[in-house]
Amino acid sequence: MKKIIAIAFITALLGAGSAGAASAATAAPGPPPPGRDLVTTTFHCPGPHGTFRITADSWVMGQYEWYYGEHGCTYTS
């Protein structure tokens, strides 16, 4: 029974062609969830990263600030 389900799944996935699972990765990002504002932060890192800017909702930006802070970067919002 599991083999039949697996074959049906693979057949459906391959039959979808360009509309299959791979096309979902190229979707454009939507607006942030309600209650979350977008913020832009500039990160200043030692090489090879240098200086770069990221725009994300406030929760995600907190994750970036933690990650890059652990790797010796400073940042300004």
PDB file of N, CA and C in Angstrom:
ATOM      1  N   MET A   1       0.823  -1.192   0.000  1.00  0.00           N
ATOM      2  CA  MET A   1       0.000   0.000   0.000  1.00  0.00           C
ATOM      3  C   MET A   1       0.873   1.265   0.000  1.00  0.00           C
ATOM      4  N   LYS A   2       1.935   1.272   0.828  1.00  0.00           N
ATOM      5  CA  LYS A   2       2.823   2.434   0.878  1.00  0.00           C
ATOM      6  C   LYS A   2       3.502   2.646  -0.467  1.00  0.00           C
ATOM      7  N   LYS A   3       3.852   1.533  -1.135  1.00  0.00           N
ATOM      8  CA  LYS A   3       4.514   1.629  -2.426  1.00  0.00           C
ATOM      9  C   LYS A   3       3.576   2.262  -3.458  1.00  0.00           C
ATOM     10  N   ILE A   4       2.310   1.912  -3.422  1.00  0.00           N
ATOM     11  CA  ILE A   4       1.330   2.471  -4.356  1.00  0.00           C
ATOM     12  C   ILE A   4       1.177   3.972  -4.121  1.00  0.00           C
ATOM     13  N   ILE A   5       1.115   4.373  -2.859  1.00  0.00           N
ATOM     14  CA  ILE A   5       0.986   5.797  -2.530  1.00  0.00           C
ATOM     15  C   ILE A   5       2.227   6.558  -2.991  1.00  0.00           C
ATOM     16  N   ALA A   6       3.408   5.983  -2.764  1.00  0.00           N
ATOM     17  CA  ALA A   6       4.652   6.630  -3.176  1.00  0.00           C
ATOM     18  C   ALA A   6       4.708   6.787  -4.690  1.00  0.00           C
ATOM     19  N   ILE A   7       4.311   5.755  -5.424  1.00  0.00           N
ATOM     20  CA  ILE A   7       4.319   5.824  -6.887  1.00  0.00           C
ATOM     21  C   ILE A   7       3.328   6.882  -7.369  1.00  0.00           C
ATOM     22  N   ALA A   8       2.158   6.930  -6.761  1.00  0.00           N
ATOM     23  CA  ALA A   8       1.157   7.925  -7.149  1.00  0.00           C
ATOM     24  C   ALA A   8       1.660   9.340  -6.875  1.00  0.00           C
ATOM     25  N   PHE A   9       2.336   9.534  -5.752  1.00  0.00           N
ATOM     26  CA  PHE A   9       2.873  10.846  -5.406  1.00  0.00           C
ATOM     27  C   PHE A   9       3.937  11.276  -6.406  1.00  0.00           C
ATOM     28  N   ILE A  10       4.863  10.388  -6.711  1.00  0.00           N
ATOM     29  CA  ILE A  10       5.936  10.711  -7.656  1.00  0.00           C
ATOM     30  C   ILE A  10       5.363  10.993  -9.038  1.00  0.00           C
ATOM     31  N   THR A  11       4.387  10.199  -9.449  1.00  0.00           N
ATOM     32  CA  THR A  11       3.753  10.413 -10.749  1.00  0.00           C
ATOM     33  C   THR A  11       3.079  11.781 -10.806  1.00  0.00           C
ATOM     34  N   ALA A  12       2.379  12.141  -9.752  1.00  0.00           N
ATOM     35  CA  ALA A  12       1.708  13.439  -9.711  1.00  0.00           C
ATOM     36  C   ALA A  12       2.723  14.575  -9.705  1.00  0.00           C
ATOM     37  N   LEU A  13       3.809  14.401  -8.973  1.00  0.00           N
ATOM     38  CA  LEU A  13       4.835  15.435  -8.891  1.00  0.00           C
ATOM     39  C   LEU A  13       5.510  15.638 -10.237  1.00  0.00           C
ATOM     40  N   LEU A  14       5.888  14.554 -10.892  1.00  0.00           N
ATOM     41  CA  LEU A  14       6.549  14.657 -12.186  1.00  0.00           C
ATOM     42  C   LEU A  14       5.581  15.122 -13.267  1.00  0.00           C
ATOM     43  N   GLY A  15       4.337  14.743 -13.142  1.00  0.00           N
ATOM     44  CA  GLY A  15       3.339  15.144 -14.130  1.00  0.00           C
ATOM     45  C   GLY A  15       3.003  16.614 -14.061  1.00  0.00           C
ATOM     46  N   ALA A  16       3.305  17.257 -12.947  1.00  0.00           N
ATOM     47  CA  ALA A  16       2.993  18.679 -12.795  1.00  0.00           C
ATOM     48  C   ALA A  16       3.923  19.554 -13.620  1.00  0.00           C
ATOM     49  N   GLY A  17       5.073  19.013 -14.019  1.00  0.00           N
ATOM     50  CA  GLY A  17       6.014  19.768 -14.848  1.00  0.00           C
ATOM     51  C   GLY A  17       6.531  20.995 -14.130  1.00  0.00           C
ATOM     52  N   SER A  18       6.496  22.129 -14.813  1.00  0.00           N
ATOM     53  CA  SER A  18       7.042  23.353 -14.228  1.00  0.00           C
ATOM     54  C   SER A  18       6.189  23.891 -13.089  1.00  0.00           C
ATOM     55  N   ALA A  19       5.000  23.362 -12.907  1.00  0.00           N
ATOM     56  CA  ALA A  19       4.149  23.804 -11.803  1.00  0.00           C
ATOM     57  C   ALA A  19       4.340  22.926 -10.575  1.00  0.00           C
ATOM     58  N   GLY A  20       5.389  22.108 -10.563  1.00  0.00           N
ATOM     59  CA  GLY A  20       5.647  21.194  -9.452  1.00  0.00           C
ATOM     60  C   GLY A  20       6.217  21.900  -8.242  1.00  0.00           C
ATOM     61  N   ALA A  21       6.789  21.133  -7.341  1.00  0.00           N
ATOM     62  CA  ALA A  21       7.292  21.657  -6.074  1.00  0.00           C
ATOM     63  C   ALA A  21       8.416  22.664  -6.275  1.00  0.00           C
ATOM     64  N   ALA A  22       9.222  22.496  -7.312  1.00  0.00           N
ATOM     65  CA  ALA A  22      10.350  23.399  -7.522  1.00  0.00           C
ATOM     66  C   ALA A  22       9.897  24.824  -7.814  1.00  0.00           C
ATOM     67  N   SER A  23       8.749  25.000  -8.425  1.00  0.00           N
ATOM     68  CA  SER A  23       8.302  26.345  -8.764  1.00  0.00           C
ATOM     69  C   SER A  23       7.873  27.139  -7.536  1.00  0.00           C
ATOM     70  N   ALA A  24       7.584  26.481  -6.435  1.00  0.00           N
ATOM     71  CA  ALA A  24       7.163  27.187  -5.226  1.00  0.00           C
ATOM     72  C   ALA A  24       8.297  28.025  -4.653  1.00  0.00           C
ATOM     73  N   ALA A  25       9.542  27.638  -4.888  1.00  0.00           N
ATOM     74  CA  ALA A  25      10.678  28.359  -4.338  1.00  0.00           C
ATOM     75  C   ALA A  25      10.858  29.731  -4.981  1.00  0.00           C
ATOM     76  N   THR A  26      10.279  29.963  -6.150  1.00  0.00           N
ATOM     77  CA  THR A  26      10.488  31.225  -6.841  1.00  0.00           C
ATOM     78  C   THR A  26       9.381  32.243  -6.572  1.00  0.00           C
ATOM     79  N   ALA A  27       8.485  31.946  -5.665  1.00  0.00           N
ATOM     80  CA  ALA A  27       7.374  32.858  -5.383  1.00  0.00           C
ATOM     81  C   ALA A  27       7.893  34.157  -4.772  1.00  0.00           C
ATOM     82  N   ALA A  28       7.294  35.267  -5.148  1.00  0.00           N
ATOM     83  CA  ALA A  28       7.671  36.565  -4.597  1.00  0.00           C
ATOM     84  C   ALA A  28       7.195  36.664  -3.149  1.00  0.00           C
ATOM     85  N   PRO A  29       8.004  37.284  -2.275  1.00  0.00           N
ATOM     86  CA  PRO A  29       7.575  37.415  -0.881  1.00  0.00           C
ATOM     87  C   PRO A  29       6.372  38.344  -0.761  1.00  0.00           C
ATOM     88  N   GLY A  30       5.501  38.030   0.136  1.00  0.00           N
ATOM     89  CA  GLY A  30       4.320  38.859   0.372  1.00  0.00           C
ATOM     90  C   GLY A  30       4.589  39.866   1.472  1.00  0.00           C
ATOM     91  N   PRO A  31       3.586  40.616   1.841  1.00  0.00           N
ATOM     92  CA  PRO A  31       3.748  41.584   2.927  1.00  0.00           C
ATOM     93  C   PRO A  31       3.951  40.855   4.257  1.00  0.00           C
ATOM     94  N   PRO A  32       4.533  41.528   5.245  1.00  0.00           N
ATOM     95  CA  PRO A  32       4.730  40.875   6.539  1.00  0.00           C
ATOM     96  C   PRO A  32       3.384  40.568   7.196  1.00  0.00           C
ATOM     97  N   PRO A  33       3.365  39.620   8.110  1.00  0.00           N
ATOM     98  CA  PRO A  33       2.126  39.303   8.822  1.00  0.00           C
ATOM     99  C   PRO A  33       1.610  40.526   9.579  1.00  0.00           C
ATOM    100  N   PRO A  34       0.315  40.583   9.854  1.00  0.00           N
ATOM    101  CA  PRO A  34      -0.237  41.721  10.598  1.00  0.00           C
ATOM    102  C   PRO A  34       0.488  41.914  11.934  1.00  0.00           C
ATOM    103  N   GLY A  35       0.749  43.143  12.273  1.00  0.00           N
ATOM    104  CA  GLY A  35       1.402  43.438  13.543  1.00  0.00           C
ATOM    105  C   GLY A  35       2.918  43.420  13.468  1.00  0.00           C
ATOM    106  N   ARG A  36       3.470  43.121  12.301  1.00  0.00           N
ATOM    107  CA  ARG A  36       4.928  43.115  12.144  1.00  0.00           C
ATOM    108  C   ARG A  36       5.309  44.114  11.066  1.00  0.00           C
ATOM    109  N   ASP A  37       6.141  45.066  11.432  1.00  0.00           N
ATOM    110  CA  ASP A  37       6.594  46.077  10.486  1.00  0.00           C
ATOM    111  C   ASP A  37       7.927  45.662   9.882  1.00  0.00           C
ATOM    112  N   LEU A  38       8.182  46.109   8.664  1.00  0.00           N
ATOM    113  CA  LEU A  38       9.471  45.869   8.036  1.00  0.00           C
ATOM    114  C   LEU A  38      10.485  46.867   8.574  1.00  0.00           C
ATOM    115  N   VAL A  39      11.690  46.395   8.826  1.00  0.00           N
ATOM    116  CA  VAL A  39      12.792  47.255   9.253  1.00  0.00           C
ATOM    117  C   VAL A  39      13.990  46.970   8.355  1.00  0.00           C
ATOM    118  N   THR A  40      14.816  47.981   8.167  1.00  0.00           N
ATOM    119  CA  THR A  40      16.038  47.830   7.375  1.00  0.00           C
ATOM    120  C   THR A  40      17.221  48.058   8.295  1.00  0.00           C
ATOM    121  N   THR A  41      18.165  47.140   8.262  1.00  0.00           N
ATOM    122  CA  THR A  41      19.346  47.220   9.110  1.00  0.00           C
ATOM    123  C   THR A  41      20.585  47.109   8.238  1.00  0.00           C
ATOM    124  N   THR A  42      21.586  47.942   8.525  1.00  0.00           N
ATOM    125  CA  THR A  42      22.870  47.880   7.829  1.00  0.00           C
ATOM    126  C   THR A  42      23.857  47.148   8.726  1.00  0.00           C
ATOM    127  N   PHE A  43      24.468  46.115   8.196  1.00  0.00           N
ATOM    128  CA  PHE A  43      25.444  45.314   8.930  1.00  0.00           C
ATOM    129  C   PHE A  43      26.843  45.664   8.439  1.00  0.00           C
ATOM    130  N   HIS A  44      27.776  45.795   9.387  1.00  0.00           N
ATOM    131  CA  HIS A  44      29.177  46.087   9.087  1.00  0.00           C
ATOM    132  C   HIS A  44      29.981  44.905   9.616  1.00  0.00           C
ATOM    133  N   CYS A  45      30.495  44.092   8.704  1.00  0.00           N
ATOM    134  CA  CYS A  45      31.175  42.853   9.086  1.00  0.00           C
ATOM    135  C   CYS A  45      32.606  42.851   8.578  1.00  0.00           C
ATOM    136  N   PRO A  46      33.466  42.080   9.267  1.00  0.00           N
ATOM    137  CA  PRO A  46      34.811  41.890   8.734  1.00  0.00           C
ATOM    138  C   PRO A  46      34.720  41.098   7.425  1.00  0.00           C
ATOM    139  N   GLY A  47      35.753  41.208   6.595  1.00  0.00           N
ATOM    140  CA  GLY A  47      35.747  40.505   5.311  1.00  0.00           C
ATOM    141  C   GLY A  47      35.459  39.027   5.461  1.00  0.00           C
ATOM    142  N   PRO A  48      34.935  38.378   4.515  1.00  0.00           N
ATOM    143  CA  PRO A  48      34.637  38.839   3.156  1.00  0.00           C
ATOM    144  C   PRO A  48      33.250  39.464   3.016  1.00  0.00           C
ATOM    145  N   HIS A  49      32.461  39.524   4.089  1.00  0.00           N
ATOM    146  CA  HIS A  49      31.085  40.026   3.973  1.00  0.00           C
ATOM    147  C   HIS A  49      31.021  41.532   3.754  1.00  0.00           C
ATOM    148  N   GLY A  50      31.837  42.303   4.453  1.00  0.00           N
ATOM    149  CA  GLY A  50      31.816  43.752   4.298  1.00  0.00           C
ATOM    150  C   GLY A  50      30.546  44.373   4.849  1.00  0.00           C
ATOM    151  N   THR A  51      30.044  45.385   4.175  1.00  0.00           N
ATOM    152  CA  THR A  51      28.838  46.099   4.603  1.00  0.00           C
ATOM    153  C   THR A  51      27.686  45.738   3.679  1.00  0.00           C
ATOM    154  N   PHE A  52      26.540  45.433   4.268  1.00  0.00           N
ATOM    155  CA  PHE A  52      25.359  45.086   3.475  1.00  0.00           C
ATOM    156  C   PHE A  52      24.116  45.442   4.259  1.00  0.00           C
ATOM    157  N   ARG A  53      22.989  45.508   3.564  1.00  0.00           N
ATOM    158  CA  ARG A  53      21.714  45.909   4.146  1.00  0.00           C
ATOM    159  C   ARG A  53      20.701  44.782   3.979  1.00  0.00           C
ATOM    160  N   ILE A  54      19.878  44.569   5.005  1.00  0.00           N
ATOM    161  CA  ILE A  54      18.809  43.570   4.955  1.00  0.00           C
ATOM    162  C   ILE A  54      17.510  44.241   5.394  1.00  0.00           C
ATOM    163  N   THR A  55      16.417  43.957   4.680  1.00  0.00           N
ATOM    164  CA  THR A  55      15.086  44.420   5.064  1.00  0.00           C
ATOM    165  C   THR A  55      14.243  43.198   5.382  1.00  0.00           C
ATOM    166  N   ALA A  56      13.662  43.172   6.573  1.00  0.00           N
ATOM    167  CA  ALA A  56      12.841  42.035   6.999  1.00  0.00           C
ATOM    168  C   ALA A  56      11.897  42.500   8.101  1.00  0.00           C
ATOM    169  N   ASP A  57      10.948  41.638   8.485  1.00  0.00           N
ATOM    170  CA  ASP A  57      10.080  42.012   9.605  1.00  0.00           C
ATOM    171  C   ASP A  57      10.900  41.979  10.890  1.00  0.00           C
ATOM    172  N   SER A  58      10.393  42.607  11.929  1.00  0.00           N
ATOM    173  CA  SER A  58      11.181  42.824  13.146  1.00  0.00           C
ATOM    174  C   SER A  58      11.640  41.527  13.805  1.00  0.00           C
ATOM    175  N   TRP A  59      10.819  40.476  13.784  1.00  0.00           N
ATOM    176  CA  TRP A  59      11.236  39.220  14.411  1.00  0.00           C
ATOM    177  C   TRP A  59      12.389  38.590  13.646  1.00  0.00           C
ATOM    178  N   VAL A  60      12.274  38.537  12.329  1.00  0.00           N
ATOM    179  CA  VAL A  60      13.339  37.958  11.504  1.00  0.00           C
ATOM    180  C   VAL A  60      14.610  38.785  11.644  1.00  0.00           C
ATOM    181  N   MET A  61      14.476  40.105  11.699  1.00  0.00           N
ATOM    182  CA  MET A  61      15.653  40.957  11.840  1.00  0.00           C
ATOM    183  C   MET A  61      16.372  40.675  13.152  1.00  0.00           C
ATOM    184  N   GLY A  62      15.632  40.391  14.196  1.00  0.00           N
ATOM    185  CA  GLY A  62      16.262  40.014  15.460  1.00  0.00           C
ATOM    186  C   GLY A  62      17.129  38.777  15.312  1.00  0.00           C
ATOM    187  N   GLN A  63      16.693  37.842  14.478  1.00  0.00           N
ATOM    188  CA  GLN A  63      17.473  36.632  14.226  1.00  0.00           C
ATOM    189  C   GLN A  63      18.758  36.967  13.467  1.00  0.00           C
ATOM    190  N   TYR A  64      18.640  37.854  12.462  1.00  0.00           N
ATOM    191  CA  TYR A  64      19.829  38.280  11.718  1.00  0.00           C
ATOM    192  C   TYR A  64      20.796  39.007  12.643  1.00  0.00           C
ATOM    193  N   GLU A  65      20.294  39.907  13.490  1.00  0.00           N
ATOM    194  CA  GLU A  65      21.160  40.658  14.395  1.00  0.00           C
ATOM    195  C   GLU A  65      21.896  39.726  15.341  1.00  0.00           C
ATOM    196  N   TRP A  66      21.211  38.713  15.847  1.00  0.00           N
ATOM    197  CA  TRP A  66      21.860  37.747  16.733  1.00  0.00           C
ATOM    198  C   TRP A  66      22.938  36.977  15.975  1.00  0.00           C
ATOM    199  N   TYR A  67      22.583  36.463  14.796  1.00  0.00           N
ATOM    200  CA  TYR A  67      23.517  35.636  14.028  1.00  0.00           C
ATOM    201  C   TYR A  67      24.773  36.418  13.652  1.00  0.00           C
ATOM    202  N   TYR A  68      24.591  37.579  13.021  1.00  0.00           N
ATOM    203  CA  TYR A  68      25.750  38.342  12.576  1.00  0.00           C
ATOM    204  C   TYR A  68      26.502  38.957  13.749  1.00  0.00           C
ATOM    205  N   GLY A  69      25.817  39.275  14.851  1.00  0.00           N
ATOM    206  CA  GLY A  69      26.498  39.744  16.049  1.00  0.00           C
ATOM    207  C   GLY A  69      27.442  38.691  16.609  1.00  0.00           C
ATOM    208  N   GLU A  70      27.034  37.427  16.533  1.00  0.00           N
ATOM    209  CA  GLU A  70      27.885  36.316  16.983  1.00  0.00           C
ATOM    210  C   GLU A  70      29.108  36.141  16.085  1.00  0.00           C
ATOM    211  N   HIS A  71      29.054  36.680  14.870  1.00  0.00           N
ATOM    212  CA  HIS A  71      30.161  36.532  13.923  1.00  0.00           C
ATOM    213  C   HIS A  71      30.984  37.812  13.787  1.00  0.00           C
ATOM    214  N   GLY A  72      30.915  38.677  14.794  1.00  0.00           N
ATOM    215  CA  GLY A  72      31.766  39.860  14.837  1.00  0.00           C
ATOM    216  C   GLY A  72      31.270  41.068  14.071  1.00  0.00           C
ATOM    217  N   CYS A  73      30.007  41.075  13.679  1.00  0.00           N
ATOM    218  CA  CYS A  73      29.458  42.208  12.929  1.00  0.00           C
ATOM    219  C   CYS A  73      28.803  43.205  13.879  1.00  0.00           C
ATOM    220  N   THR A  74      28.809  44.464  13.483  1.00  0.00           N
ATOM    221  CA  THR A  74      28.021  45.482  14.174  1.00  0.00           C
ATOM    222  C   THR A  74      26.897  45.882  13.228  1.00  0.00           C
ATOM    223  N   TYR A  75      25.870  46.545  13.745  1.00  0.00           N
ATOM    224  CA  TYR A  75      24.746  46.910  12.887  1.00  0.00           C
ATOM    225  C   TYR A  75      24.076  48.179  13.380  1.00  0.00           C
ATOM    226  N   THR A  76      23.433  48.862  12.439  1.00  0.00           N
ATOM    227  CA  THR A  76      22.630  50.044  12.746  1.00  0.00           C
ATOM    228  C   THR A  76      21.291  49.897  12.043  1.00  0.00           C
ATOM    229  N   SER A  77      20.233  50.277  12.752  1.00  0.00           N
ATOM    230  CA  SER A  77      18.889  50.171  12.169  1.00  0.00           C
ATOM    231  C   SER A  77      18.436  51.515  11.647  1.00  0.00           C
TER     232      SER A  77
END
